[in-house]
Amino acid sequence: MSDAFQDHYADTFAHCYGCGRLNADGYQLKSYWDGEESVCRFEPRPYHTGGFPEYVYGGLIASLVDCHSAATAAAAKARADGHALGSRPLDRFVTASLKVDFIKPTPLRTICLRGRVVELTKRKAIVQTTVAVDGVVCASGEAVMVKLPDPS
């Protein structure tokens, strides 16, 4: 696979708990293009449960959707602006709104997130993301992401 979207954040913005490559204690999420969708895989640990040993804590699901959506928004903006991944640091997007629907309990196994940008403007992206385990969708989310101003 090519470089992950998160590998192209400027160092200033690379400390996020979920997707920051410079946060050694974080999730270290890595998102990639798969056609028009973004994809990310995450291996939950036993301590990611919410008290039910076989299932993932809902807050983890929400944070995975949040960070994957932010990375997807940044990569989509670069693509729309005609910039190849790696040609310059990605713009950084943050969450304005996050809605997550929990469809069924998410087993403590490899989680696959798939995101699709449904709206993109100069400063905003709306990203819809599914959360699946073994091909079964366990949650879905929609994030409204806004671009941070360029650092001065």
N, C-alpha and C. Protein backbone atom coordinates (compact mmCIF):
# COMPACT_ATOMS: atom_id res chain seq x y z
N MET A 1 0.84 -1.19 0.00
CA MET A 1 0.00 0.00 0.00
C MET A 1 0.87 1.24 0.00
N SER A 2 0.29 2.31 -0.51
CA SER A 2 1.01 3.59 -0.50
C SER A 2 0.99 4.16 0.92
N ASP A 3 1.59 5.34 1.05
CA ASP A 3 1.60 5.99 2.35
C ASP A 3 0.18 6.25 2.84
N ALA A 4 0.03 6.19 4.14
CA ALA A 4 -1.26 6.50 4.76
C ALA A 4 -1.48 8.01 4.75
N PHE A 5 -2.75 8.42 4.74
CA PHE A 5 -3.09 9.84 4.78
C PHE A 5 -2.40 10.52 5.97
N GLN A 6 -2.47 9.86 7.13
CA GLN A 6 -1.95 10.44 8.36
C GLN A 6 -0.44 10.67 8.31
N ASP A 7 0.26 9.97 7.42
CA ASP A 7 1.70 10.16 7.30
C ASP A 7 2.04 11.52 6.69
N HIS A 8 1.03 12.20 6.17
CA HIS A 8 1.26 13.47 5.48
C HIS A 8 0.70 14.68 6.21
N TYR A 9 0.40 14.51 7.50
CA TYR A 9 0.06 15.68 8.32
C TYR A 9 1.35 16.39 8.68
N ALA A 10 1.30 17.71 8.72
CA ALA A 10 2.44 18.48 9.22
C ALA A 10 2.70 18.07 10.67
N ASP A 11 3.93 18.12 11.10
CA ASP A 11 4.27 17.72 12.46
C ASP A 11 3.42 18.44 13.51
N THR A 12 3.07 19.69 13.23
CA THR A 12 2.25 20.48 14.15
C THR A 12 0.94 19.77 14.46
N PHE A 13 0.40 19.04 13.48
CA PHE A 13 -0.91 18.41 13.62
C PHE A 13 -0.83 16.89 13.75
N ALA A 14 0.32 16.36 14.07
CA ALA A 14 0.51 14.90 14.05
C ALA A 14 0.53 14.29 15.45
N HIS A 15 -0.14 14.93 16.41
CA HIS A 15 -0.13 14.43 17.78
C HIS A 15 -1.48 13.92 18.25
N CYS A 16 -2.44 13.82 17.36
CA CYS A 16 -3.78 13.36 17.71
C CYS A 16 -3.71 11.97 18.33
N TYR A 17 -4.52 11.73 19.34
CA TYR A 17 -4.53 10.42 19.98
C TYR A 17 -4.92 9.31 19.00
N GLY A 18 -5.86 9.59 18.13
CA GLY A 18 -6.32 8.57 17.21
C GLY A 18 -5.43 8.39 15.99
N CYS A 19 -5.05 9.50 15.39
CA CYS A 19 -4.39 9.38 14.08
C CYS A 19 -3.01 10.01 14.02
N GLY A 20 -2.52 10.51 15.13
CA GLY A 20 -1.23 11.18 15.10
C GLY A 20 -0.05 10.22 15.06
N ARG A 21 0.73 10.32 14.02
CA ARG A 21 1.91 9.44 13.90
C ARG A 21 2.95 9.75 14.97
N LEU A 22 2.88 10.94 15.56
CA LEU A 22 3.85 11.33 16.58
C LEU A 22 3.35 11.07 18.00
N ASN A 23 2.18 10.47 18.14
CA ASN A 23 1.64 10.12 19.46
C ASN A 23 1.86 8.63 19.69
N ALA A 24 2.93 8.31 20.37
CA ALA A 24 3.31 6.90 20.59
C ALA A 24 2.27 6.14 21.40
N ASP A 25 1.44 6.83 22.17
CA ASP A 25 0.43 6.18 23.00
C ASP A 25 -0.92 6.07 22.31
N GLY A 26 -1.05 6.63 21.12
CA GLY A 26 -2.34 6.66 20.43
C GLY A 26 -2.62 5.43 19.60
N TYR A 27 -3.70 5.50 18.83
CA TYR A 27 -4.13 4.38 17.98
C TYR A 27 -3.23 4.16 16.77
N GLN A 28 -2.58 5.21 16.31
CA GLN A 28 -1.73 5.12 15.12
C GLN A 28 -2.54 4.68 13.89
N LEU A 29 -3.73 5.24 13.72
CA LEU A 29 -4.57 4.88 12.57
C LEU A 29 -3.88 5.19 11.26
N LYS A 30 -4.14 4.35 10.28
CA LYS A 30 -3.60 4.52 8.94
C LYS A 30 -4.74 4.33 7.95
N SER A 31 -5.04 5.36 7.19
CA SER A 31 -6.14 5.35 6.22
C SER A 31 -5.59 5.47 4.82
N TYR A 32 -6.23 4.79 3.88
CA TYR A 32 -5.77 4.73 2.49
C TYR A 32 -6.97 4.84 1.55
N TRP A 33 -6.70 5.22 0.31
CA TRP A 33 -7.75 5.19 -0.71
C TRP A 33 -7.95 3.77 -1.20
N ASP A 34 -9.20 3.43 -1.42
CA ASP A 34 -9.61 2.21 -2.11
C ASP A 34 -10.67 2.67 -3.11
N GLY A 35 -10.22 3.17 -4.25
CA GLY A 35 -11.12 3.79 -5.21
C GLY A 35 -11.62 5.11 -4.66
N GLU A 36 -12.92 5.26 -4.59
CA GLU A 36 -13.52 6.49 -4.07
C GLU A 36 -13.76 6.43 -2.57
N GLU A 37 -13.50 5.28 -1.97
CA GLU A 37 -13.66 5.13 -0.53
C GLU A 37 -12.30 5.13 0.15
N SER A 38 -12.32 5.52 1.41
CA SER A 38 -11.12 5.39 2.24
C SER A 38 -11.30 4.15 3.10
N VAL A 39 -10.21 3.51 3.43
CA VAL A 39 -10.27 2.31 4.25
C VAL A 39 -9.21 2.36 5.34
N CYS A 40 -9.54 1.82 6.48
CA CYS A 40 -8.62 1.77 7.62
C CYS A 40 -8.95 0.50 8.40
N ARG A 41 -7.92 -0.18 8.84
CA ARG A 41 -8.12 -1.36 9.68
C ARG A 41 -7.49 -1.09 11.05
N PHE A 42 -8.17 -1.55 12.08
CA PHE A 42 -7.72 -1.32 13.44
C PHE A 42 -7.87 -2.61 14.24
N GLU A 43 -6.83 -2.93 14.99
CA GLU A 43 -6.83 -4.13 15.85
C GLU A 43 -7.11 -3.70 17.29
N PRO A 44 -8.34 -3.89 17.77
CA PRO A 44 -8.63 -3.52 19.15
C PRO A 44 -7.92 -4.45 20.13
N ARG A 45 -7.61 -3.94 21.28
CA ARG A 45 -6.96 -4.69 22.35
C ARG A 45 -8.00 -5.08 23.39
N PRO A 46 -7.70 -6.05 24.23
CA PRO A 46 -8.67 -6.47 25.26
C PRO A 46 -9.12 -5.31 26.15
N TYR A 47 -8.29 -4.31 26.36
CA TYR A 47 -8.67 -3.18 27.22
C TYR A 47 -9.59 -2.19 26.50
N HIS A 48 -9.94 -2.43 25.26
CA HIS A 48 -10.88 -1.57 24.52
C HIS A 48 -12.33 -2.03 24.70
N THR A 49 -12.60 -2.84 25.69
CA THR A 49 -13.97 -3.28 25.93
C THR A 49 -14.68 -2.29 26.85
N GLY A 50 -15.99 -2.39 26.87
CA GLY A 50 -16.80 -1.53 27.74
C GLY A 50 -17.40 -2.34 28.87
N GLY A 51 -16.72 -3.37 29.29
CA GLY A 51 -17.22 -4.21 30.37
C GLY A 51 -17.73 -5.55 29.89
N PHE A 52 -17.90 -5.69 28.59
CA PHE A 52 -18.31 -6.97 28.01
C PHE A 52 -17.09 -7.52 27.29
N PRO A 53 -16.47 -8.57 27.80
CA PRO A 53 -15.16 -9.03 27.34
C PRO A 53 -15.02 -9.29 25.85
N GLU A 54 -16.06 -9.64 25.17
CA GLU A 54 -15.95 -9.99 23.76
C GLU A 54 -16.25 -8.83 22.80
N TYR A 55 -16.60 -7.65 23.34
CA TYR A 55 -17.07 -6.55 22.50
C TYR A 55 -16.36 -5.24 22.79
N VAL A 56 -16.29 -4.42 21.75
CA VAL A 56 -15.58 -3.14 21.81
C VAL A 56 -16.45 -2.07 22.46
N TYR A 57 -15.81 -1.22 23.22
CA TYR A 57 -16.41 -0.06 23.87
C TYR A 57 -16.91 0.94 22.82
N GLY A 58 -18.12 1.45 22.98
CA GLY A 58 -18.70 2.37 22.01
C GLY A 58 -17.91 3.64 21.80
N GLY A 59 -17.25 4.13 22.84
CA GLY A 59 -16.43 5.34 22.70
C GLY A 59 -15.27 5.13 21.75
N LEU A 60 -14.73 3.92 21.72
CA LEU A 60 -13.66 3.61 20.78
C LEU A 60 -14.20 3.70 19.35
N ILE A 61 -15.37 3.13 19.12
CA ILE A 61 -15.97 3.17 17.79
C ILE A 61 -16.14 4.63 17.35
N ALA A 62 -16.67 5.47 18.23
CA ALA A 62 -16.87 6.88 17.89
C ALA A 62 -15.54 7.57 17.56
N SER A 63 -14.50 7.30 18.34
CA SER A 63 -13.22 7.96 18.07
C SER A 63 -12.59 7.45 16.78
N LEU A 64 -12.79 6.17 16.46
CA LEU A 64 -12.27 5.65 15.19
C LEU A 64 -12.97 6.32 14.01
N VAL A 65 -14.29 6.45 14.09
CA VAL A 65 -15.05 7.12 13.03
C VAL A 65 -14.58 8.57 12.91
N ASP A 66 -14.40 9.23 14.03
CA ASP A 66 -13.96 10.63 14.06
C ASP A 66 -12.61 10.80 13.35
N CYS A 67 -11.62 10.05 13.77
CA CYS A 67 -10.27 10.24 13.22
C CYS A 67 -10.15 9.76 11.77
N HIS A 68 -10.83 8.67 11.44
CA HIS A 68 -10.80 8.21 10.04
C HIS A 68 -11.50 9.23 9.14
N SER A 69 -12.56 9.82 9.63
CA SER A 69 -13.28 10.84 8.85
C SER A 69 -12.42 12.09 8.64
N ALA A 70 -11.69 12.50 9.66
CA ALA A 70 -10.81 13.67 9.53
C ALA A 70 -9.74 13.42 8.48
N ALA A 71 -9.14 12.24 8.51
CA ALA A 71 -8.10 11.90 7.53
C ALA A 71 -8.69 11.81 6.13
N THR A 72 -9.88 11.24 6.02
CA THR A 72 -10.54 11.13 4.72
C THR A 72 -10.84 12.51 4.16
N ALA A 73 -11.32 13.41 5.00
CA ALA A 73 -11.60 14.78 4.56
C ALA A 73 -10.33 15.45 4.04
N ALA A 74 -9.24 15.30 4.76
CA ALA A 74 -7.98 15.94 4.36
C ALA A 74 -7.48 15.38 3.03
N ALA A 75 -7.54 14.07 2.87
CA ALA A 75 -7.08 13.45 1.62
C ALA A 75 -8.00 13.82 0.46
N ALA A 76 -9.29 13.88 0.71
CA ALA A 76 -10.25 14.25 -0.34
C ALA A 76 -10.04 15.70 -0.79
N LYS A 77 -9.75 16.57 0.17
CA LYS A 77 -9.50 17.98 -0.17
C LYS A 77 -8.26 18.09 -1.04
N ALA A 78 -7.20 17.38 -0.68
CA ALA A 78 -5.97 17.41 -1.48
C ALA A 78 -6.25 16.88 -2.89
N ARG A 79 -6.98 15.80 -2.97
CA ARG A 79 -7.32 15.20 -4.27
C ARG A 79 -8.13 16.19 -5.11
N ALA A 80 -9.12 16.82 -4.50
CA ALA A 80 -9.97 17.78 -5.22
C ALA A 80 -9.18 19.00 -5.68
N ASP A 81 -8.17 19.39 -4.90
CA ASP A 81 -7.32 20.54 -5.25
C ASP A 81 -6.23 20.17 -6.25
N GLY A 82 -6.17 18.90 -6.64
CA GLY A 82 -5.19 18.46 -7.63
C GLY A 82 -3.81 18.18 -7.07
N HIS A 83 -3.72 17.96 -5.75
CA HIS A 83 -2.43 17.67 -5.11
C HIS A 83 -2.28 16.17 -4.89
N ALA A 84 -1.21 15.60 -5.37
CA ALA A 84 -0.93 14.19 -5.12
C ALA A 84 -0.58 14.00 -3.65
N LEU A 85 -0.96 12.88 -3.11
CA LEU A 85 -0.62 12.56 -1.72
C LEU A 85 0.89 12.57 -1.58
N GLY A 86 1.39 13.36 -0.63
CA GLY A 86 2.82 13.46 -0.41
C GLY A 86 3.47 14.66 -1.06
N SER A 87 2.73 15.37 -1.92
CA SER A 87 3.32 16.53 -2.60
C SER A 87 3.42 17.74 -1.67
N ARG A 88 2.62 17.74 -0.62
CA ARG A 88 2.66 18.79 0.40
C ARG A 88 1.90 18.28 1.62
N PRO A 89 2.11 18.88 2.80
CA PRO A 89 1.35 18.42 3.97
C PRO A 89 -0.15 18.57 3.73
N LEU A 90 -0.91 17.64 4.24
CA LEU A 90 -2.36 17.72 4.11
C LEU A 90 -2.92 18.82 5.00
N ASP A 91 -3.99 19.45 4.52
CA ASP A 91 -4.74 20.35 5.38
C ASP A 91 -5.28 19.53 6.55
N ARG A 92 -5.49 20.18 7.68
CA ARG A 92 -5.98 19.45 8.86
C ARG A 92 -7.44 19.80 9.08
N PHE A 93 -8.25 18.78 9.22
CA PHE A 93 -9.67 18.94 9.48
C PHE A 93 -9.99 18.49 10.89
N VAL A 94 -10.94 19.17 11.53
CA VAL A 94 -11.40 18.81 12.87
C VAL A 94 -12.92 18.64 12.83
N THR A 95 -13.45 18.05 13.86
CA THR A 95 -14.85 17.68 13.90
C THR A 95 -15.74 18.83 14.32
N ALA A 96 -16.75 19.12 13.48
CA ALA A 96 -17.79 20.08 13.85
C ALA A 96 -19.00 19.33 14.41
N SER A 97 -19.23 18.14 13.87
CA SER A 97 -20.37 17.33 14.31
C SER A 97 -20.05 15.86 14.04
N LEU A 98 -20.49 15.02 14.96
CA LEU A 98 -20.26 13.58 14.80
C LEU A 98 -21.50 12.85 15.27
N LYS A 99 -22.04 12.01 14.40
CA LYS A 99 -23.20 11.18 14.74
C LYS A 99 -22.81 9.74 14.47
N VAL A 100 -23.01 8.88 15.46
CA VAL A 100 -22.69 7.46 15.30
C VAL A 100 -23.93 6.65 15.66
N ASP A 101 -24.30 5.74 14.78
CA ASP A 101 -25.38 4.80 15.05
C ASP A 101 -24.76 3.43 15.32
N PHE A 102 -25.07 2.87 16.48
CA PHE A 102 -24.57 1.56 16.85
C PHE A 102 -25.61 0.53 16.44
N ILE A 103 -25.29 -0.24 15.42
CA ILE A 103 -26.25 -1.16 14.82
C ILE A 103 -26.29 -2.48 15.57
N LYS A 104 -25.12 -2.97 15.94
CA LYS A 104 -25.03 -4.21 16.70
C LYS A 104 -23.71 -4.19 17.45
N PRO A 105 -23.55 -4.99 18.49
CA PRO A 105 -22.28 -5.01 19.22
C PRO A 105 -21.11 -5.34 18.29
N THR A 106 -20.00 -4.64 18.51
CA THR A 106 -18.81 -4.81 17.67
C THR A 106 -17.85 -5.79 18.35
N PRO A 107 -17.64 -6.96 17.74
CA PRO A 107 -16.74 -7.94 18.35
C PRO A 107 -15.30 -7.43 18.45
N LEU A 108 -14.59 -7.94 19.40
CA LEU A 108 -13.20 -7.57 19.65
C LEU A 108 -12.29 -8.29 18.65
N ARG A 109 -12.44 -7.91 17.37
CA ARG A 109 -11.62 -8.45 16.27
C ARG A 109 -11.28 -7.30 15.33
N THR A 110 -10.55 -7.58 14.29
CA THR A 110 -10.13 -6.54 13.35
C THR A 110 -11.34 -5.73 12.87
N ILE A 111 -11.24 -4.43 13.04
CA ILE A 111 -12.29 -3.50 12.64
C ILE A 111 -11.89 -2.87 11.31
N CYS A 112 -12.82 -2.84 10.38
CA CYS A 112 -12.59 -2.20 9.09
C CYS A 112 -13.51 -0.98 8.98
N LEU A 113 -12.90 0.18 8.78
CA LEU A 113 -13.65 1.41 8.58
C LEU A 113 -13.60 1.76 7.09
N ARG A 114 -14.73 2.14 6.54
CA ARG A 114 -14.80 2.59 5.15
C ARG A 114 -15.52 3.92 5.13
N GLY A 115 -14.85 4.93 4.57
CA GLY A 115 -15.41 6.27 4.52
C GLY A 115 -15.67 6.73 3.10
N ARG A 116 -16.68 7.56 2.96
CA ARG A 116 -17.02 8.14 1.66
C ARG A 116 -17.39 9.60 1.88
N VAL A 117 -16.76 10.49 1.12
CA VAL A 117 -17.08 11.91 1.20
C VAL A 117 -18.35 12.15 0.40
N VAL A 118 -19.37 12.71 1.06
CA VAL A 118 -20.63 12.98 0.38
C VAL A 118 -20.82 14.45 0.08
N GLU A 119 -19.99 15.30 0.69
CA GLU A 119 -19.99 16.73 0.38
C GLU A 119 -18.60 17.28 0.67
N LEU A 120 -18.12 18.13 -0.23
CA LEU A 120 -16.80 18.74 -0.04
C LEU A 120 -16.84 20.16 -0.57
N THR A 121 -16.51 21.10 0.31
CA THR A 121 -16.39 22.51 -0.08
C THR A 121 -14.98 22.97 0.29
N LYS A 122 -14.74 24.24 0.15
CA LYS A 122 -13.41 24.78 0.46
C LYS A 122 -13.01 24.54 1.91
N ARG A 123 -13.99 24.62 2.82
CA ARG A 123 -13.68 24.51 4.24
C ARG A 123 -14.36 23.36 4.97
N LYS A 124 -15.22 22.61 4.28
CA LYS A 124 -16.02 21.60 4.99
C LYS A 124 -16.10 20.32 4.17
N ALA A 125 -16.13 19.21 4.89
CA ALA A 125 -16.37 17.91 4.27
C ALA A 125 -17.36 17.15 5.15
N ILE A 126 -18.26 16.45 4.50
CA ILE A 126 -19.15 15.53 5.22
C ILE A 126 -18.74 14.13 4.80
N VAL A 127 -18.42 13.32 5.79
CA VAL A 127 -17.90 11.97 5.54
C VAL A 127 -18.84 10.97 6.20
N GLN A 128 -19.27 9.97 5.44
CA GLN A 128 -20.05 8.86 5.99
C GLN A 128 -19.12 7.65 6.10
N THR A 129 -19.16 7.01 7.26
CA THR A 129 -18.24 5.90 7.53
C THR A 129 -19.01 4.70 8.08
N THR A 130 -18.63 3.53 7.60
CA THR A 130 -19.16 2.30 8.20
C THR A 130 -18.06 1.62 8.99
N VAL A 131 -18.48 0.90 10.01
CA VAL A 131 -17.59 0.14 10.89
C VAL A 131 -18.03 -1.31 10.79
N ALA A 132 -17.14 -2.17 10.32
CA ALA A 132 -17.51 -3.57 10.12
C ALA A 132 -16.46 -4.50 10.70
N VAL A 133 -16.92 -5.69 11.08
CA VAL A 133 -16.05 -6.77 11.51
C VAL A 133 -16.47 -8.01 10.71
N ASP A 134 -15.50 -8.62 10.06
CA ASP A 134 -15.76 -9.80 9.23
C ASP A 134 -16.86 -9.55 8.20
N GLY A 135 -16.90 -8.32 7.66
CA GLY A 135 -17.87 -7.98 6.63
C GLY A 135 -19.25 -7.60 7.15
N VAL A 136 -19.47 -7.65 8.44
CA VAL A 136 -20.76 -7.31 9.03
C VAL A 136 -20.69 -5.89 9.59
N VAL A 137 -21.56 -5.01 9.11
CA VAL A 137 -21.57 -3.62 9.59
C VAL A 137 -22.15 -3.59 11.00
N CYS A 138 -21.37 -3.03 11.91
CA CYS A 138 -21.75 -2.95 13.32
C CYS A 138 -22.14 -1.53 13.73
N ALA A 139 -21.64 -0.54 13.00
CA ALA A 139 -21.94 0.86 13.30
C ALA A 139 -21.76 1.68 12.02
N SER A 140 -22.40 2.83 12.02
CA SER A 140 -22.19 3.78 10.91
C SER A 140 -22.16 5.17 11.51
N GLY A 141 -21.47 6.04 10.83
CA GLY A 141 -21.34 7.39 11.35
C GLY A 141 -21.32 8.42 10.25
N GLU A 142 -21.64 9.63 10.64
CA GLU A 142 -21.50 10.77 9.73
C GLU A 142 -20.80 11.88 10.49
N ALA A 143 -19.75 12.40 9.89
CA ALA A 143 -18.96 13.46 10.51
C ALA A 143 -18.94 14.68 9.61
N VAL A 144 -19.18 15.83 10.20
CA VAL A 144 -18.99 17.10 9.52
C VAL A 144 -17.63 17.59 9.97
N MET A 145 -16.71 17.70 9.02
CA MET A 145 -15.34 18.08 9.32
C MET A 145 -15.08 19.47 8.75
N VAL A 146 -14.38 20.32 9.51
CA VAL A 146 -14.02 21.65 9.02
C VAL A 146 -12.51 21.81 8.99
N LYS A 147 -12.06 22.51 7.99
CA LYS A 147 -10.62 22.73 7.79
C LYS A 147 -10.12 23.78 8.76
N LEU A 148 -9.04 23.45 9.45
CA LEU A 148 -8.38 24.45 10.30
C LEU A 148 -7.75 25.52 9.42
N PRO A 149 -7.68 26.75 9.92
CA PRO A 149 -6.98 27.78 9.15
C PRO A 149 -5.52 27.39 8.97
N ASP A 150 -4.93 27.84 7.87
CA ASP A 150 -3.51 27.59 7.63
C ASP A 150 -2.70 28.26 8.74
N PRO A 151 -1.68 27.57 9.26
CA PRO A 151 -0.85 28.19 10.29
C PRO A 151 -0.10 29.39 9.73
N SER A 152 0.01 30.43 10.56
CA SER A 152 0.71 31.62 10.07
C SER A 152 2.16 31.62 10.45
